[in-house]
Amino acid sequence: MKRAVVFLLILIFSISITSAVFADMNEKIGNHWSGGQINRDFLLYYFPYLAKENFKRLSPEEPINEDEFLLSFSSLLKEKGYTPVEVGWKTALDRIEMVRIIGEKLAELEVVEFDTKDMPFIDIDGITESQRQALSNLYSIGIIDGQSNAKFNPYAKITQAEAIIVLQRINNLLDNIANDEHIDEPGESREPEEIPFTLSGIIQSYFGKEGINTRIQEDKGLVTATKMFPTPGYSVEVEKITKDNGEYKIYLDITPPDEESILPQVITYKTITMEIDKQYLGNPPYNFVWGNFFKLK
């Protein structure tokens, strides 16, 4: 009994630490336009200098320095098996210069066939031909957007939020390329890879927020998944976790309460904690999502 109590306290403590970390991040970007787009795990892994000391330096509208951006870009390239870029200067980075660096690197790696298309921007007459070509290439594959439908604002400084989102898009692009290289022959189907896991516990509470958080330890990943229910009578089990196209999908087996049972109409939250050996996770970031569609009665 004592061991069970100790385990429960450790579990609650772990969840509270994870929640506190994400709360600090949400204070910085929760109300910013990028708040719903920035992947927490991606930021923690590839922009650690912004995440230090509870995200002390994270400020989505602040410019990012060239040397730090290239450090993050190089880290991403190395994780995907490509050669890094050269170190830059400790000065704020222009949007168009970032475009040139990325465009030339992706062209050098020959990782994508560019499909050049017309650009709607009316403020790019003064950029060089190489910058224009890089912008056209990256715009055509969805890596780069304008600051509005008609303006790119080439000499504005790239912000932290913009830098993170651009590298997330490059990460997805490189993952898609890697997946395409492993597609089976025509007529064959490829089943998603099932990931082994250990269920650490399920806690029910009357407050919380739906979502999935991950915390990577030395040899394993700790995943906490919270689901909301309309009454306390639901039971939940984890059916499986699969890896498919760069996403880790959590499938739940949900059993509703007996229709004749009398239960208070109080919203409850089930928080499920799972451990996954790091050998099954591969390279970060780890994008965990719900694997099944929930329609609760």
Protein backbone atom coordinates (compact mmCIF):
# COMPACT_ATOMS: atom_id res chain seq x y z
CA MET A 1 0.00 0.00 0.00
CA LYS A 2 2.85 2.36 0.93
CA ARG A 3 4.55 1.71 -2.43
CA ALA A 4 1.32 2.52 -4.27
CA VAL A 5 0.99 5.83 -2.41
CA VAL A 6 4.62 6.73 -3.16
CA PHE A 7 4.11 5.90 -6.86
CA LEU A 8 0.96 8.02 -6.98
CA LEU A 9 2.77 10.99 -5.41
CA ILE A 10 5.65 10.67 -7.89
CA LEU A 11 3.21 10.51 -10.78
CA ILE A 12 1.31 13.58 -9.61
CA PHE A 13 4.58 15.43 -9.08
CA SER A 14 5.77 14.56 -12.61
CA ILE A 15 2.52 15.74 -14.16
CA SER A 16 2.61 18.96 -12.14
CA ILE A 17 6.16 19.73 -13.31
CA THR A 18 5.18 19.14 -16.96
CA SER A 19 2.10 21.34 -16.54
CA ALA A 20 4.18 24.10 -14.94
CA VAL A 21 6.69 24.07 -17.81
CA PHE A 22 3.97 24.33 -20.42
CA ALA A 23 2.18 26.98 -18.38
CA ASP A 24 5.33 29.15 -18.54
CA MET A 25 5.43 28.70 -22.31
CA ASN A 26 1.72 29.43 -22.70
CA GLU A 27 2.14 32.69 -20.82
CA LYS A 28 4.51 33.80 -23.57
CA ILE A 29 2.69 32.61 -26.70
CA GLY A 30 -0.81 31.61 -25.59
CA ASN A 31 -2.44 34.78 -26.95
CA HIS A 32 -0.05 35.21 -29.88
CA TRP A 33 -1.06 34.27 -33.43
CA SER A 34 1.59 31.52 -33.39
CA GLY A 35 0.30 29.93 -30.17
CA GLY A 36 -1.73 27.26 -31.94
CA GLN A 37 1.02 26.48 -34.45
CA ILE A 38 4.21 26.11 -32.41
CA ASN A 39 4.98 22.53 -31.39
CA ARG A 40 6.22 22.50 -27.78
CA ASP A 41 8.55 19.52 -28.21
CA PHE A 42 10.03 21.04 -31.37
CA LEU A 43 10.74 24.32 -29.60
CA LEU A 44 12.32 22.57 -26.61
CA TYR A 45 14.59 20.43 -28.77
CA TYR A 46 15.66 22.78 -31.57
CA PHE A 47 15.45 26.15 -29.76
CA PRO A 48 16.79 25.27 -26.29
CA TYR A 49 18.27 28.76 -25.86
CA LEU A 50 14.71 30.15 -25.90
CA ALA A 51 13.45 27.49 -23.47
CA LYS A 52 16.10 27.98 -20.78
CA GLU A 53 15.02 29.16 -17.32
CA ASN A 54 11.31 28.54 -17.94
CA PHE A 55 11.32 30.19 -21.38
CA LYS A 56 12.91 33.38 -20.08
CA ARG A 57 14.07 34.50 -23.55
CA LEU A 58 10.97 33.37 -25.45
CA SER A 59 9.27 36.43 -26.92
CA PRO A 60 7.47 35.62 -30.19
CA GLU A 61 7.75 39.11 -31.74
CA GLU A 62 11.42 39.63 -30.86
CA PRO A 63 13.96 39.24 -33.72
CA ILE A 64 16.10 36.12 -33.74
CA ASN A 65 19.85 36.36 -34.36
CA GLU A 66 21.39 34.79 -37.44
CA ASP A 67 23.83 32.63 -35.45
CA GLU A 68 21.05 31.14 -33.32
CA PHE A 69 18.75 30.51 -36.26
CA LEU A 70 21.54 28.75 -38.16
CA LEU A 71 22.36 26.72 -35.04
CA SER A 72 18.74 25.48 -34.93
CA PHE A 73 18.67 24.89 -38.69
CA SER A 74 21.93 22.94 -38.52
CA SER A 75 20.66 20.85 -35.62
CA LEU A 76 17.55 19.95 -37.62
CA LEU A 77 19.59 19.06 -40.72
CA LYS A 78 21.98 16.84 -38.71
CA GLU A 79 19.07 15.00 -37.06
CA LYS A 80 17.68 14.22 -40.52
CA GLY A 81 21.07 13.02 -41.83
CA TYR A 82 22.10 16.09 -43.85
CA THR A 83 25.14 18.35 -43.65
CA PRO A 84 24.70 21.48 -41.53
CA VAL A 85 24.96 25.11 -42.63
CA GLU A 86 27.78 27.48 -41.72
CA VAL A 87 27.74 29.48 -38.51
CA GLY A 88 26.30 32.98 -38.83
CA TRP A 89 26.69 36.39 -37.18
CA LYS A 90 25.24 37.55 -33.90
CA THR A 91 22.96 40.05 -35.61
CA ALA A 92 19.23 40.09 -36.33
CA LEU A 93 18.30 38.21 -39.51
CA ASP A 94 16.32 39.73 -42.41
CA ARG A 95 13.39 37.74 -43.77
CA ILE A 96 14.82 37.69 -47.28
CA GLU A 97 18.28 36.62 -46.06
CA MET A 98 16.70 33.71 -44.19
CA VAL A 99 14.90 32.76 -47.41
CA ARG A 100 18.17 32.82 -49.36
CA ILE A 101 19.97 30.62 -46.81
CA ILE A 102 17.19 28.03 -46.67
CA GLY A 103 16.51 28.06 -50.39
CA GLU A 104 20.14 27.56 -51.37
CA LYS A 105 20.60 24.78 -48.80
CA LEU A 106 17.55 22.80 -49.90
CA ALA A 107 18.61 23.22 -53.54
CA GLU A 108 22.12 22.00 -52.65
CA LEU A 109 20.71 18.92 -50.90
CA GLU A 110 18.42 18.17 -53.87
CA VAL A 111 15.72 17.04 -51.45
CA VAL A 112 12.81 18.55 -53.37
CA GLU A 113 11.77 19.41 -56.91
CA PHE A 114 10.73 23.04 -56.89
CA ASP A 115 7.58 23.99 -58.74
CA THR A 116 7.99 27.72 -59.29
CA LYS A 117 4.79 29.75 -59.39
CA ASP A 118 3.91 33.43 -59.57
CA MET A 119 4.20 35.38 -56.35
CA PRO A 120 1.68 38.04 -55.30
CA PHE A 121 4.16 40.27 -53.45
CA ILE A 122 4.42 43.88 -54.61
CA ASP A 123 7.39 44.87 -52.42
CA ILE A 124 10.19 42.62 -53.74
CA ASP A 125 11.46 44.64 -56.70
CA GLY A 126 14.74 45.46 -54.96
CA ILE A 127 15.81 41.92 -54.05
CA THR A 128 18.55 40.08 -55.96
CA GLU A 129 17.89 37.41 -58.55
CA SER A 130 19.16 34.65 -56.25
CA GLN A 131 16.92 35.89 -53.45
CA ARG A 132 13.94 36.04 -55.81
CA GLN A 133 14.57 32.48 -57.00
CA ALA A 134 14.85 31.18 -53.44
CA LEU A 135 11.68 33.00 -52.39
CA SER A 136 9.77 31.67 -55.39
CA ASN A 137 10.92 28.13 -54.67
CA LEU A 138 10.07 28.20 -50.97
CA TYR A 139 6.77 29.97 -51.56
CA SER A 140 5.76 27.34 -54.11
CA ILE A 141 6.20 24.47 -51.62
CA GLY A 142 4.58 26.23 -48.67
CA ILE A 143 7.67 26.90 -46.55
CA ILE A 144 7.40 30.70 -46.73
CA ASP A 145 4.39 33.02 -46.52
CA GLY A 146 4.05 36.76 -46.89
CA GLN A 147 3.20 39.03 -43.98
CA SER A 148 0.01 39.78 -45.89
CA ASN A 149 -1.52 38.63 -49.17
CA ALA A 150 0.37 41.31 -51.13
CA LYS A 151 3.48 42.09 -49.06
CA PHE A 152 6.45 39.96 -48.10
CA ASN A 153 8.34 42.71 -46.20
CA PRO A 154 11.76 41.34 -47.21
CA TYR A 155 13.93 43.51 -44.97
CA ALA A 156 11.95 43.10 -41.77
CA LYS A 157 13.70 41.09 -39.10
CA ILE A 158 12.58 37.48 -38.77
CA THR A 159 10.86 36.97 -35.42
CA GLN A 160 11.27 34.05 -33.03
CA ALA A 161 7.76 32.82 -33.85
CA GLU A 162 8.34 33.00 -37.62
CA ALA A 163 11.68 31.19 -37.31
CA ILE A 164 10.21 28.34 -35.27
CA ILE A 165 7.29 27.83 -37.65
CA VAL A 166 9.50 27.93 -40.77
CA LEU A 167 11.78 25.24 -39.33
CA GLN A 168 8.76 23.16 -38.32
CA ARG A 169 7.63 23.25 -41.96
CA ILE A 170 11.09 22.19 -43.12
CA ASN A 171 11.01 19.38 -40.56
CA ASN A 172 7.69 18.15 -41.97
CA LEU A 173 9.04 18.43 -45.52
CA LEU A 174 12.12 16.32 -44.71
CA ASP A 175 10.00 13.76 -42.85
CA ASN A 176 7.66 13.44 -45.84
CA ILE A 177 10.64 12.92 -48.13
CA ALA A 178 12.00 10.21 -45.83
CA ASN A 179 8.59 8.50 -45.75
CA ASP A 180 8.27 8.66 -49.54
CA GLU A 181 11.63 6.91 -49.88
CA HIS A 182 10.25 3.96 -47.92
CA ILE A 183 6.91 3.58 -49.70
CA ASP A 184 6.12 0.00 -50.65
CA GLU A 185 5.70 -1.15 -54.24
CA PRO A 186 2.40 -0.29 -55.99
CA GLY A 187 -0.40 -2.57 -54.85
CA GLU A 188 1.15 -3.13 -51.43
CA SER A 189 -0.11 -1.41 -48.30
CA ARG A 190 2.07 -0.32 -45.42
CA GLU A 191 0.64 -0.77 -41.95
CA PRO A 192 1.50 1.87 -39.33
CA GLU A 193 4.23 0.73 -36.95
CA GLU A 194 2.88 -0.22 -33.51
CA ILE A 195 4.91 1.21 -30.62
CA PRO A 196 5.35 -0.77 -27.36
CA PHE A 197 4.50 1.15 -24.20
CA THR A 198 4.01 0.68 -20.46
CA LEU A 199 0.91 2.08 -18.79
CA SER A 200 2.02 3.89 -15.62
CA GLY A 201 -1.38 4.96 -14.34
CA ILE A 202 -4.73 6.65 -14.94
CA ILE A 203 -5.89 9.49 -12.70
CA GLN A 204 -9.39 10.99 -12.64
CA SER A 205 -9.93 14.61 -11.62
CA TYR A 206 -12.57 17.31 -11.87
CA PHE A 207 -10.31 19.91 -13.41
CA GLY A 208 -7.83 19.88 -16.25
CA LYS A 209 -7.39 20.46 -19.96
CA GLU A 210 -7.53 18.06 -22.87
CA GLY A 211 -4.25 17.43 -24.64
CA ILE A 212 -1.12 15.33 -24.90
CA ASN A 213 2.22 16.30 -23.40
CA THR A 214 5.60 14.56 -23.63
CA ARG A 215 8.69 14.71 -21.46
CA ILE A 216 11.86 13.00 -22.62
CA GLN A 217 14.11 11.43 -20.01
CA GLU A 218 17.50 9.80 -20.52
CA ASP A 219 16.24 6.44 -21.74
CA LYS A 220 12.49 6.83 -22.15
CA GLY A 221 9.67 9.18 -23.03
CA LEU A 222 6.91 10.02 -20.55
CA VAL A 223 3.59 10.73 -22.28
CA THR A 224 0.61 12.19 -20.42
CA ALA A 225 -2.69 12.25 -22.31
CA THR A 226 -5.77 13.94 -20.83
CA LYS A 227 -9.32 13.36 -22.12
CA MET A 228 -12.49 15.11 -20.96
CA PHE A 229 -15.73 13.22 -20.17
CA PRO A 230 -19.23 14.49 -19.38
CA THR A 231 -19.66 12.27 -16.27
CA PRO A 232 -17.40 10.29 -13.91
CA GLY A 233 -18.67 6.91 -15.14
CA TYR A 234 -16.45 6.38 -18.18
CA SER A 235 -13.62 3.85 -18.13
CA VAL A 236 -10.57 4.21 -20.38
CA GLU A 237 -7.85 1.91 -21.62
CA VAL A 238 -5.06 2.52 -24.11
CA GLU A 239 -5.66 0.19 -27.03
CA LYS A 240 -2.41 0.91 -28.89
CA ILE A 241 0.10 3.54 -30.00
CA THR A 242 1.20 3.65 -33.63
CA LYS A 243 3.72 5.66 -35.62
CA ASP A 244 2.45 6.82 -38.99
CA ASN A 245 3.87 9.56 -41.25
CA GLY A 246 5.81 11.18 -38.43
CA GLU A 247 2.89 11.15 -35.99
CA TYR A 248 2.47 9.00 -32.89
CA LYS A 249 -1.21 8.14 -32.61
CA ILE A 250 -2.77 7.13 -29.29
CA TYR A 251 -5.85 4.92 -29.62
CA LEU A 252 -8.16 4.75 -26.62
CA ASP A 253 -10.73 2.09 -25.78
CA ILE A 254 -13.51 4.01 -24.04
CA THR A 255 -16.41 2.30 -22.24
CA PRO A 256 -19.38 4.53 -21.35
CA PRO A 257 -21.29 4.10 -18.08
CA ASP A 258 -24.35 1.88 -17.91
CA GLU A 259 -27.36 3.70 -19.32
CA GLU A 260 -29.37 2.98 -16.16
CA SER A 261 -26.69 4.20 -13.76
CA ILE A 262 -27.33 7.45 -11.94
CA LEU A 263 -24.30 9.72 -12.18
CA PRO A 264 -23.72 13.42 -11.51
CA GLN A 265 -23.49 15.52 -14.66
CA VAL A 266 -20.04 16.77 -13.78
CA ILE A 267 -17.22 17.09 -16.29
CA THR A 268 -14.28 14.87 -15.39
CA TYR A 269 -10.82 14.40 -16.82
CA LYS A 270 -8.87 11.18 -17.20
CA THR A 271 -5.10 11.64 -17.33
CA ILE A 272 -3.25 8.62 -18.68
CA THR A 273 0.50 8.29 -18.21
CA MET A 274 2.54 6.02 -20.47
CA GLU A 275 6.23 5.22 -20.69
CA ILE A 276 7.89 4.46 -24.04
CA ASP A 277 11.44 3.18 -24.37
CA LYS A 278 13.47 5.78 -26.26
CA GLN A 279 14.65 3.20 -28.80
CA TYR A 280 11.10 3.10 -30.21
CA LEU A 281 10.77 6.88 -30.53
CA GLY A 282 13.52 7.67 -33.03
CA ASN A 283 14.52 11.30 -33.56
CA PRO A 284 12.53 14.24 -32.15
CA PRO A 285 10.26 16.09 -32.32
CA TYR A 286 7.62 13.68 -31.04
CA ASN A 287 4.20 14.66 -32.32
CA PHE A 288 1.58 12.70 -30.35
CA VAL A 289 -2.05 12.95 -31.46
CA TRP A 290 -5.31 11.11 -30.81
CA GLY A 291 -5.65 8.14 -33.12
CA ASN A 292 -9.40 7.65 -32.99
CA PHE A 293 -12.42 9.87 -33.33
CA PHE A 294 -14.26 10.35 -30.05
CA LYS A 295 -18.01 10.74 -29.96
CA LEU A 296 -19.16 10.45 -26.35
CA LYS A 297 -22.76 9.92 -25.34
